[in-house]
Amino acid sequence: MHLNWQTREMTLKIVYYGPALSGKTTNLQAIHQLADGKSTGRLMTLDTKDDRTLFFDLLPVFFQTANGFKIKLKLFTVPGQVFHNATRRVVLQGADAVAFIADSQIVESKNNNESFKNLRENLEANGIGWNDIPVVIQFNKRDMPNARTDAEIDEMEKRGGTTIYRAVAIRGDGVMETLFGLLSKTWTNPKYDLEKKFGLKQAEFVDNIRKSLIAKEASVGAV
């Protein structure tokens, strides 16, 4: 988290992590498409033959609090391919919260598990304790015929203790819910103590983000 008291601006860095082609980039594309264009910056993407996003996407979102403080969100994705691990570690530096995007297809279980383990390792390498950073999980591709059942995901959430959201990111389903859920956890994280710093309640913070972002309730055709 970067605080600039002189310009009265706070920047939160949100990183979307997960295995290759799980839907990280599609989440950001969906958010960008659903968001009010006045509140968002340019969505930058670099596609390669090896992975959909080699470096990251950057989506700045701005809104102003009642006390005149500007809050900026920067949303990043990391490359999912194993050989891009050094890049993933760099992108994680300075992260304030993480959305882990898992693939709901049963055949992708091993990739999900390996990527989740890799997330914990890279957080540790960056000096970020697992209990010190807000994390939510999104199980994407719920529309796939070989997807895990809701009951299986409920059991995972109960066993793991991390909030899980369900999504079909290519349609925009569950995308905003995942983001807002993560922002709620971020605002109430004792490490940041943002409510005390800004005098802004969690519900008020999320509601302001929602009003700033959502321009329309439309289906999303991101690819």
C-alpha atoms as a PDB file:
ATOM      1  CA  MET A   1       0.000   0.000   0.000  1.00  0.00           C
ATOM      2  CA  HIS A   2       1.327   3.394  -0.966  1.00  0.00           C
ATOM      3  CA  LEU A   3       0.114   6.456   0.935  1.00  0.00           C
ATOM      4  CA  ASN A   4       0.840   9.966  -0.234  1.00  0.00           C
ATOM      5  CA  TRP A   5      -0.467  12.355   2.415  1.00  0.00           C
ATOM      6  CA  GLN A   6       0.683  15.395   0.478  1.00  0.00           C
ATOM      7  CA  THR A   7      -1.446  14.600  -2.572  1.00  0.00           C
ATOM      8  CA  ARG A   8      -4.030  12.781  -0.398  1.00  0.00           C
ATOM      9  CA  GLU A   9      -3.824   9.627  -2.472  1.00  0.00           C
ATOM     10  CA  MET A  10      -3.685   5.956  -1.550  1.00  0.00           C
ATOM     11  CA  THR A  11      -2.818   3.168  -3.985  1.00  0.00           C
ATOM     12  CA  LEU A  12      -3.783  -0.466  -3.427  1.00  0.00           C
ATOM     13  CA  LYS A  13      -2.139  -3.156  -5.524  1.00  0.00           C
ATOM     14  CA  ILE A  14      -4.353  -6.181  -6.262  1.00  0.00           C
ATOM     15  CA  VAL A  15      -2.741  -9.197  -7.939  1.00  0.00           C
ATOM     16  CA  TYR A  16      -4.642 -11.927  -9.807  1.00  0.00           C
ATOM     17  CA  TYR A  17      -2.670 -15.163  -9.493  1.00  0.00           C
ATOM     18  CA  GLY A  18      -3.240 -18.692 -10.766  1.00  0.00           C
ATOM     19  CA  PRO A  19      -2.274 -21.341 -13.313  1.00  0.00           C
ATOM     20  CA  ALA A  20      -2.021 -20.670 -17.039  1.00  0.00           C
ATOM     21  CA  LEU A  21      -5.342 -20.030 -18.806  1.00  0.00           C
ATOM     22  CA  SER A  22      -7.411 -20.206 -15.616  1.00  0.00           C
ATOM     23  CA  GLY A  23      -9.031 -16.853 -16.431  1.00  0.00           C
ATOM     24  CA  LYS A  24      -6.881 -14.202 -14.760  1.00  0.00           C
ATOM     25  CA  THR A  25      -6.714 -11.978 -17.816  1.00  0.00           C
ATOM     26  CA  THR A  26     -10.379 -12.599 -18.603  1.00  0.00           C
ATOM     27  CA  ASN A  27     -11.288 -11.368 -15.103  1.00  0.00           C
ATOM     28  CA  LEU A  28      -9.532  -8.064 -15.721  1.00  0.00           C
ATOM     29  CA  GLN A  29     -11.013  -7.753 -19.187  1.00  0.00           C
ATOM     30  CA  ALA A  30     -14.478  -8.329 -17.735  1.00  0.00           C
ATOM     31  CA  ILE A  31     -13.960  -5.750 -14.990  1.00  0.00           C
ATOM     32  CA  HIS A  32     -12.720  -3.254 -17.549  1.00  0.00           C
ATOM     33  CA  GLN A  33     -15.719  -3.885 -19.793  1.00  0.00           C
ATOM     34  CA  LEU A  34     -18.257  -3.638 -16.965  1.00  0.00           C
ATOM     35  CA  ALA A  35     -16.648  -0.580 -15.415  1.00  0.00           C
ATOM     36  CA  ASP A  36     -17.506   3.024 -16.068  1.00  0.00           C
ATOM     37  CA  GLY A  37     -14.934   4.316 -18.538  1.00  0.00           C
ATOM     38  CA  LYS A  38     -14.598   7.544 -16.565  1.00  0.00           C
ATOM     39  CA  SER A  39     -13.211   5.589 -13.601  1.00  0.00           C
ATOM     40  CA  THR A  40     -10.736   3.340 -15.348  1.00  0.00           C
ATOM     41  CA  GLY A  41      -7.490   3.690 -17.184  1.00  0.00           C
ATOM     42  CA  ARG A  42      -6.179   1.785 -20.148  1.00  0.00           C
ATOM     43  CA  LEU A  43      -6.088  -2.002 -19.937  1.00  0.00           C
ATOM     44  CA  MET A  44      -2.702  -3.135 -21.182  1.00  0.00           C
ATOM     45  CA  THR A  45      -2.187  -6.705 -22.345  1.00  0.00           C
ATOM     46  CA  LEU A  46       0.764  -8.513 -23.862  1.00  0.00           C
ATOM     47  CA  ASP A  47      -0.122 -11.834 -25.477  1.00  0.00           C
ATOM     48  CA  THR A  48       2.502 -14.369 -26.433  1.00  0.00           C
ATOM     49  CA  LYS A  49       2.589 -17.853 -27.896  1.00  0.00           C
ATOM     50  CA  ASP A  50       3.567 -19.212 -24.473  1.00  0.00           C
ATOM     51  CA  ASP A  51       0.898 -17.636 -22.293  1.00  0.00           C
ATOM     52  CA  ARG A  52      -1.920 -15.149 -22.668  1.00  0.00           C
ATOM     53  CA  THR A  53      -0.191 -12.544 -20.544  1.00  0.00           C
ATOM     54  CA  LEU A  54       3.595 -12.516 -20.352  1.00  0.00           C
ATOM     55  CA  PHE A  55       3.917  -9.671 -17.882  1.00  0.00           C
ATOM     56  CA  PHE A  56       0.783  -8.105 -16.474  1.00  0.00           C
ATOM     57  CA  ASP A  57      -2.366  -6.135 -17.058  1.00  0.00           C
ATOM     58  CA  LEU A  58      -2.723  -2.783 -15.349  1.00  0.00           C
ATOM     59  CA  LEU A  59      -6.144  -1.376 -14.571  1.00  0.00           C
ATOM     60  CA  PRO A  60      -6.130   1.770 -12.440  1.00  0.00           C
ATOM     61  CA  VAL A  61      -9.475   2.646 -10.858  1.00  0.00           C
ATOM     62  CA  PHE A  62     -10.016   5.913  -9.024  1.00  0.00           C
ATOM     63  CA  PHE A  63     -12.599   7.216  -6.579  1.00  0.00           C
ATOM     64  CA  GLN A  64     -12.629   9.979  -4.002  1.00  0.00           C
ATOM     65  CA  THR A  65     -13.697   9.650  -0.374  1.00  0.00           C
ATOM     66  CA  ALA A  66     -15.888  12.133   1.473  1.00  0.00           C
ATOM     67  CA  ASN A  67     -12.816  13.592   3.188  1.00  0.00           C
ATOM     68  CA  GLY A  68     -11.199  14.298  -0.167  1.00  0.00           C
ATOM     69  CA  PHE A  69      -8.784  11.352  -0.273  1.00  0.00           C
ATOM     70  CA  LYS A  70      -8.318   9.737  -3.658  1.00  0.00           C
ATOM     71  CA  ILE A  71      -8.113   5.947  -3.703  1.00  0.00           C
ATOM     72  CA  LYS A  72      -6.481   4.249  -6.663  1.00  0.00           C
ATOM     73  CA  LEU A  73      -6.676   0.518  -7.345  1.00  0.00           C
ATOM     74  CA  LYS A  74      -4.076  -1.130  -9.548  1.00  0.00           C
ATOM     75  CA  LEU A  75      -5.039  -4.587 -10.758  1.00  0.00           C
ATOM     76  CA  PHE A  76      -2.349  -6.905 -12.104  1.00  0.00           C
ATOM     77  CA  THR A  77      -2.221 -10.432 -13.445  1.00  0.00           C
ATOM     78  CA  VAL A  78       0.790 -12.703 -13.436  1.00  0.00           C
ATOM     79  CA  PRO A  79       1.875 -15.146 -16.156  1.00  0.00           C
ATOM     80  CA  GLY A  80       0.748 -18.676 -15.354  1.00  0.00           C
ATOM     81  CA  GLN A  81       3.471 -20.663 -17.112  1.00  0.00           C
ATOM     82  CA  VAL A  82       6.001 -22.250 -14.730  1.00  0.00           C
ATOM     83  CA  PHE A  83       9.044 -20.848 -16.516  1.00  0.00           C
ATOM     84  CA  HIS A  84       7.826 -17.280 -15.832  1.00  0.00           C
ATOM     85  CA  ASN A  85       8.198 -17.707 -12.072  1.00  0.00           C
ATOM     86  CA  ALA A  86      10.699 -14.865 -11.718  1.00  0.00           C
ATOM     87  CA  THR A  87       8.195 -12.498 -13.336  1.00  0.00           C
ATOM     88  CA  ARG A  88       5.405 -13.710 -11.045  1.00  0.00           C
ATOM     89  CA  ARG A  89       7.572 -13.043  -8.020  1.00  0.00           C
ATOM     90  CA  VAL A  90       8.369  -9.512  -9.204  1.00  0.00           C
ATOM     91  CA  VAL A  91       4.696  -8.719  -9.870  1.00  0.00           C
ATOM     92  CA  LEU A  92       3.820  -9.927  -6.350  1.00  0.00           C
ATOM     93  CA  GLN A  93       6.222  -7.432  -4.775  1.00  0.00           C
ATOM     94  CA  GLY A  94       4.274  -4.822  -2.854  1.00  0.00           C
ATOM     95  CA  ALA A  95       0.952  -6.609  -3.317  1.00  0.00           C
ATOM     96  CA  ASP A  96      -1.784  -5.610  -0.854  1.00  0.00           C
ATOM     97  CA  ALA A  97      -4.202  -8.425  -1.719  1.00  0.00           C
ATOM     98  CA  VAL A  98      -4.382 -11.495  -3.960  1.00  0.00           C
ATOM     99  CA  ALA A  99      -7.209 -13.115  -5.903  1.00  0.00           C
ATOM    100  CA  PHE A 100      -6.255 -16.686  -6.760  1.00  0.00           C
ATOM    101  CA  ILE A 101      -8.052 -17.766  -9.945  1.00  0.00           C
ATOM    102  CA  ALA A 102      -8.475 -21.536 -10.091  1.00  0.00           C
ATOM    103  CA  ASP A 103      -9.814 -23.592 -12.997  1.00  0.00           C
ATOM    104  CA  SER A 104     -12.966 -25.513 -12.005  1.00  0.00           C
ATOM    105  CA  GLN A 105     -12.200 -28.397 -14.367  1.00  0.00           C
ATOM    106  CA  ILE A 106     -11.264 -31.523 -12.445  1.00  0.00           C
ATOM    107  CA  VAL A 107      -8.399 -32.253 -14.853  1.00  0.00           C
ATOM    108  CA  GLU A 108      -6.804 -28.952 -13.782  1.00  0.00           C
ATOM    109  CA  SER A 109      -6.618 -29.873 -10.082  1.00  0.00           C
ATOM    110  CA  LYS A 110      -2.892 -30.568 -10.154  1.00  0.00           C
ATOM    111  CA  ASN A 111      -2.142 -27.259 -11.886  1.00  0.00           C
ATOM    112  CA  ASN A 112      -4.333 -25.398  -9.383  1.00  0.00           C
ATOM    113  CA  ASN A 113      -2.556 -26.998  -6.423  1.00  0.00           C
ATOM    114  CA  GLU A 114       0.923 -26.377  -7.811  1.00  0.00           C
ATOM    115  CA  SER A 115       0.114 -22.744  -8.579  1.00  0.00           C
ATOM    116  CA  PHE A 116      -1.386 -22.198  -5.114  1.00  0.00           C
ATOM    117  CA  LYS A 117       1.733 -23.648  -3.521  1.00  0.00           C
ATOM    118  CA  ASN A 118       3.839 -21.427  -5.770  1.00  0.00           C
ATOM    119  CA  LEU A 119       1.854 -18.373  -4.621  1.00  0.00           C
ATOM    120  CA  ARG A 120       2.680 -19.089  -0.996  1.00  0.00           C
ATOM    121  CA  GLU A 121       6.350 -19.639  -1.834  1.00  0.00           C
ATOM    122  CA  ASN A 122       6.620 -16.394  -3.780  1.00  0.00           C
ATOM    123  CA  LEU A 123       4.847 -14.407  -1.079  1.00  0.00           C
ATOM    124  CA  GLU A 124       7.320 -15.775   1.435  1.00  0.00           C
ATOM    125  CA  ALA A 125      10.230 -14.949  -0.908  1.00  0.00           C
ATOM    126  CA  ASN A 126       8.952 -11.360  -0.975  1.00  0.00           C
ATOM    127  CA  GLY A 127       8.763 -11.232   2.817  1.00  0.00           C
ATOM    128  CA  ILE A 128       4.943 -11.360   2.894  1.00  0.00           C
ATOM    129  CA  GLY A 129       3.452 -13.712   5.489  1.00  0.00           C
ATOM    130  CA  TRP A 130       0.459 -15.786   4.397  1.00  0.00           C
ATOM    131  CA  ASN A 131      -1.612 -14.482   7.312  1.00  0.00           C
ATOM    132  CA  ASP A 132      -0.605 -10.879   6.637  1.00  0.00           C
ATOM    133  CA  ILE A 133      -2.230 -10.475   3.226  1.00  0.00           C
ATOM    134  CA  PRO A 134      -5.906 -10.784   2.235  1.00  0.00           C
ATOM    135  CA  VAL A 135      -6.493 -13.676  -0.169  1.00  0.00           C
ATOM    136  CA  VAL A 136      -9.658 -14.968  -1.826  1.00  0.00           C
ATOM    137  CA  ILE A 137     -10.079 -17.834  -4.273  1.00  0.00           C
ATOM    138  CA  GLN A 138     -12.221 -17.796  -7.374  1.00  0.00           C
ATOM    139  CA  PHE A 139     -13.178 -21.049  -9.079  1.00  0.00           C
ATOM    140  CA  ASN A 140     -13.645 -19.942 -12.668  1.00  0.00           C
ATOM    141  CA  LYS A 141     -15.122 -21.821 -15.657  1.00  0.00           C
ATOM    142  CA  ARG A 142     -18.161 -23.043 -13.703  1.00  0.00           C
ATOM    143  CA  ASP A 143     -19.897 -23.571 -17.054  1.00  0.00           C
ATOM    144  CA  MET A 144     -17.572 -26.389 -18.088  1.00  0.00           C
ATOM    145  CA  PRO A 145     -19.146 -29.883 -18.191  1.00  0.00           C
ATOM    146  CA  ASN A 146     -16.296 -31.470 -16.210  1.00  0.00           C
ATOM    147  CA  ALA A 147     -16.221 -28.819 -13.493  1.00  0.00           C
ATOM    148  CA  ARG A 148     -16.080 -29.612  -9.781  1.00  0.00           C
ATOM    149  CA  THR A 149     -19.458 -29.645  -8.076  1.00  0.00           C
ATOM    150  CA  ASP A 150     -20.642 -26.873  -5.756  1.00  0.00           C
ATOM    151  CA  ALA A 151     -20.582 -29.370  -2.905  1.00  0.00           C
ATOM    152  CA  GLU A 152     -16.898 -30.117  -3.529  1.00  0.00           C
ATOM    153  CA  ILE A 153     -16.068 -26.408  -3.558  1.00  0.00           C
ATOM    154  CA  ASP A 154     -18.071 -25.852  -0.358  1.00  0.00           C
ATOM    155  CA  GLU A 155     -16.015 -28.571   1.306  1.00  0.00           C
ATOM    156  CA  MET A 156     -12.765 -26.979   0.099  1.00  0.00           C
ATOM    157  CA  GLU A 157     -13.819 -23.631   1.526  1.00  0.00           C
ATOM    158  CA  LYS A 158     -14.718 -25.200   4.851  1.00  0.00           C
ATOM    159  CA  ARG A 159     -11.466 -27.142   4.996  1.00  0.00           C
ATOM    160  CA  GLY A 160      -9.172 -24.352   3.803  1.00  0.00           C
ATOM    161  CA  GLY A 161     -10.694 -21.374   5.571  1.00  0.00           C
ATOM    162  CA  THR A 162     -10.243 -19.070   2.553  1.00  0.00           C
ATOM    163  CA  THR A 163     -13.281 -17.420   0.962  1.00  0.00           C
ATOM    164  CA  ILE A 164     -14.166 -18.978  -2.401  1.00  0.00           C
ATOM    165  CA  TYR A 165     -16.157 -17.318  -5.186  1.00  0.00           C
ATOM    166  CA  ARG A 166     -17.615 -18.987  -8.255  1.00  0.00           C
ATOM    167  CA  ALA A 167     -17.361 -17.430 -11.697  1.00  0.00           C
ATOM    168  CA  VAL A 168     -17.751 -17.701 -15.423  1.00  0.00           C
ATOM    169  CA  ALA A 169     -15.406 -14.834 -16.192  1.00  0.00           C
ATOM    170  CA  ILE A 170     -15.936 -14.958 -19.937  1.00  0.00           C
ATOM    171  CA  ARG A 171     -19.567 -13.901 -19.239  1.00  0.00           C
ATOM    172  CA  GLY A 172     -18.647 -11.553 -16.396  1.00  0.00           C
ATOM    173  CA  ASP A 173     -20.387 -13.782 -13.831  1.00  0.00           C
ATOM    174  CA  GLY A 174     -18.816 -13.616 -10.361  1.00  0.00           C
ATOM    175  CA  VAL A 175     -16.060 -11.248 -11.450  1.00  0.00           C
ATOM    176  CA  MET A 176     -17.193  -8.165  -9.550  1.00  0.00           C
ATOM    177  CA  GLU A 177     -18.220 -10.273  -6.545  1.00  0.00           C
ATOM    178  CA  THR A 178     -14.672 -11.621  -6.325  1.00  0.00           C
ATOM    179  CA  LEU A 179     -13.157  -8.140  -6.524  1.00  0.00           C
ATOM    180  CA  PHE A 180     -15.531  -6.596  -3.984  1.00  0.00           C
ATOM    181  CA  GLY A 181     -15.059  -9.517  -1.598  1.00  0.00           C
ATOM    182  CA  LEU A 182     -11.298  -9.121  -1.761  1.00  0.00           C
ATOM    183  CA  LEU A 183     -11.524  -5.357  -1.240  1.00  0.00           C
ATOM    184  CA  SER A 184     -13.706  -5.914   1.828  1.00  0.00           C
ATOM    185  CA  LYS A 185     -11.068  -8.195   3.332  1.00  0.00           C
ATOM    186  CA  THR A 186      -8.359  -5.699   2.454  1.00  0.00           C
ATOM    187  CA  TRP A 187     -10.123  -2.774   4.128  1.00  0.00           C
ATOM    188  CA  THR A 188     -10.593  -4.662   7.403  1.00  0.00           C
ATOM    189  CA  ASN A 189      -7.123  -6.211   7.483  1.00  0.00           C
ATOM    190  CA  PRO A 190      -5.606  -5.273  10.886  1.00  0.00           C
ATOM    191  CA  LYS A 191      -2.193  -4.834   9.259  1.00  0.00           C
ATOM    192  CA  TYR A 192      -3.447  -1.898   7.191  1.00  0.00           C
ATOM    193  CA  ASP A 193      -5.999  -0.448   9.670  1.00  0.00           C
ATOM    194  CA  LEU A 194      -7.536   1.560   6.818  1.00  0.00           C
ATOM    195  CA  GLU A 195     -10.818   2.228   8.556  1.00  0.00           C
ATOM    196  CA  LYS A 196      -9.012   4.105  11.317  1.00  0.00           C
ATOM    197  CA  LYS A 197      -6.708   5.928   8.883  1.00  0.00           C
ATOM    198  CA  PHE A 198      -9.512   7.211   6.672  1.00  0.00           C
ATOM    199  CA  GLY A 199     -12.560   7.174   8.925  1.00  0.00           C
ATOM    200  CA  LEU A 200     -14.336   5.153   6.263  1.00  0.00           C
ATOM    201  CA  LYS A 201     -16.367   2.072   7.133  1.00  0.00           C
ATOM    202  CA  GLN A 202     -15.921  -1.138   5.178  1.00  0.00           C
ATOM    203  CA  ALA A 203     -19.426  -1.029   3.703  1.00  0.00           C
ATOM    204  CA  GLU A 204     -18.976   2.609   2.701  1.00  0.00           C
ATOM    205  CA  PHE A 205     -15.639   1.854   1.053  1.00  0.00           C
ATOM    206  CA  VAL A 206     -16.995  -1.071  -0.981  1.00  0.00           C
ATOM    207  CA  ASP A 207     -20.141   0.876  -1.891  1.00  0.00           C
ATOM    208  CA  ASN A 208     -18.035   3.768  -3.189  1.00  0.00           C
ATOM    209  CA  ILE A 209     -15.952   1.384  -5.281  1.00  0.00           C
ATOM    210  CA  ARG A 210     -19.130  -0.240  -6.606  1.00  0.00           C
ATOM    211  CA  LYS A 211     -20.666   3.104  -7.579  1.00  0.00           C
ATOM    212  CA  SER A 212     -17.416   4.225  -9.162  1.00  0.00           C
ATOM    213  CA  LEU A 213     -16.919   1.048 -11.168  1.00  0.00           C
ATOM    214  CA  ILE A 214     -20.197  -0.350 -12.334  1.00  0.00           C
ATOM    215  CA  ALA A 215     -21.548   1.383 -15.404  1.00  0.00           C
ATOM    216  CA  LYS A 216     -23.897  -1.303 -16.604  1.00  0.00           C
ATOM    217  CA  GLU A 217     -25.160  -4.763 -15.817  1.00  0.00           C
ATOM    218  CA  ALA A 218     -24.290  -6.310 -19.143  1.00  0.00           C
ATOM    219  CA  SER A 219     -22.997  -9.644 -20.286  1.00  0.00           C
ATOM    220  CA  VAL A 220     -19.320  -9.729 -21.107  1.00  0.00           C
ATOM    221  CA  GLY A 221     -17.835 -11.310 -24.191  1.00  0.00           C
ATOM    222  CA  ALA A 222     -14.202 -11.264 -23.152  1.00  0.00           C
ATOM    223  CA  VAL A 223     -12.015 -13.899 -24.736  1.00  0.00           C
END
